[in-house]
Protein backbone atom coordinates (compact mmCIF):
# COMPACT_ATOMS: atom_id res chain seq x y z
CA MET A 1 -0.12 0.03 -0.07
CA ARG A 2 1.37 3.68 -0.88
CA ILE A 3 1.13 6.60 1.26
CA SER A 4 -1.04 8.33 -1.33
CA ASP A 5 -3.68 5.25 -0.96
CA LEU A 6 -3.79 6.23 2.87
CA GLN A 7 -4.13 9.68 2.45
CA ALA A 8 -7.50 9.20 0.12
CA LYS A 9 -9.15 7.40 2.82
CA ASP A 10 -10.97 9.16 5.88
CA ILE A 11 -10.09 8.54 9.31
CA VAL A 12 -13.07 7.58 11.71
CA ASN A 13 -12.96 7.07 15.47
CA ILE A 14 -14.50 3.72 16.36
CA ASN A 15 -15.59 5.08 19.85
CA ASP A 16 -18.20 7.65 18.45
CA GLY A 17 -18.09 7.10 14.76
CA LYS A 18 -17.20 10.64 14.02
CA ARG A 19 -15.08 11.77 11.08
CA ILE A 20 -11.57 13.09 12.47
CA GLY A 21 -9.92 13.84 9.09
CA ARG A 22 -7.61 12.85 6.44
CA ILE A 23 -3.94 12.10 6.43
CA ILE A 24 -1.54 14.81 5.69
CA ASP A 25 1.59 13.44 6.49
CA ILE A 26 3.30 10.20 7.82
CA GLU A 27 6.06 10.05 10.37
CA ILE A 28 8.28 6.83 9.48
CA ASN A 29 11.19 5.57 11.53
CA PRO A 30 14.43 4.69 10.06
CA GLU A 31 13.29 0.69 9.51
CA GLY A 32 10.44 2.09 7.31
CA LYS A 33 7.72 1.43 9.97
CA ILE A 34 4.82 4.01 10.68
CA ILE A 35 5.18 5.69 13.87
CA TYR A 36 2.34 8.01 13.70
CA LEU A 37 -0.04 9.66 11.11
CA VAL A 38 -0.65 13.33 11.15
CA VAL A 39 -4.17 14.12 10.47
CA GLU A 40 -5.73 17.39 9.25
CA GLN A 41 -8.66 18.60 11.16
CA LYS A 42 -12.26 18.90 9.41
CA ARG A 43 -12.31 22.21 7.35
CA ALA A 44 -15.44 23.17 9.29
CA ILE A 45 -13.70 22.99 12.68
CA ARG A 46 -10.52 24.62 11.39
CA ALA A 47 -12.62 27.60 10.21
CA PHE A 48 -13.76 28.49 13.73
CA VAL A 49 -10.53 27.99 15.63
CA THR A 50 -7.14 29.85 15.84
CA SER A 51 -4.29 29.18 13.72
CA SER A 52 -2.05 28.02 16.63
CA LEU A 53 -4.04 24.81 16.79
CA GLN A 54 -1.98 21.62 15.84
CA ASP A 55 -2.98 18.98 13.56
CA THR A 56 -4.03 15.67 15.17
CA THR A 57 -1.31 12.82 15.52
CA ILE A 58 -2.61 9.28 15.67
CA SER A 59 -0.10 6.59 16.85
CA TYR A 60 0.06 3.60 14.93
CA ASN A 61 -1.03 1.29 17.77
CA GLN A 62 -4.21 3.45 18.03
CA ILE A 63 -5.11 1.92 14.08
CA LYS A 64 -7.54 -0.97 14.50
CA LYS A 65 -8.48 -1.36 10.92
CA ILE A 66 -7.35 -0.05 7.56
CA GLY A 67 -10.53 -0.61 5.04
CA GLU A 68 -11.26 0.14 1.46
CA ASP A 69 -12.43 3.59 2.06
CA VAL A 70 -11.71 4.46 5.90
CA ILE A 71 -9.32 3.88 8.34
CA LEU A 72 -10.81 2.79 12.14
CA VAL A 73 -8.94 4.27 14.91
CA ASP A 74 -9.29 4.09 18.52
CA PHE A 75 -8.89 7.86 19.51
């Protein structure tokens, strides 16, 4: 699977079913394993908050399932 394939998927929280956002970056260790995903917040939320708010990071162990259209996370 390519990073661009992951970026096309929505990130959904399994605890409440809400969409968190989309992947904008991935941190990878020297061995090539994913450390965490950087997720852009939904645009509607971003429009109402200050620019000092950071993007969300999700560690690899929080990923529960990578499906065809979504990535389910325990966030």
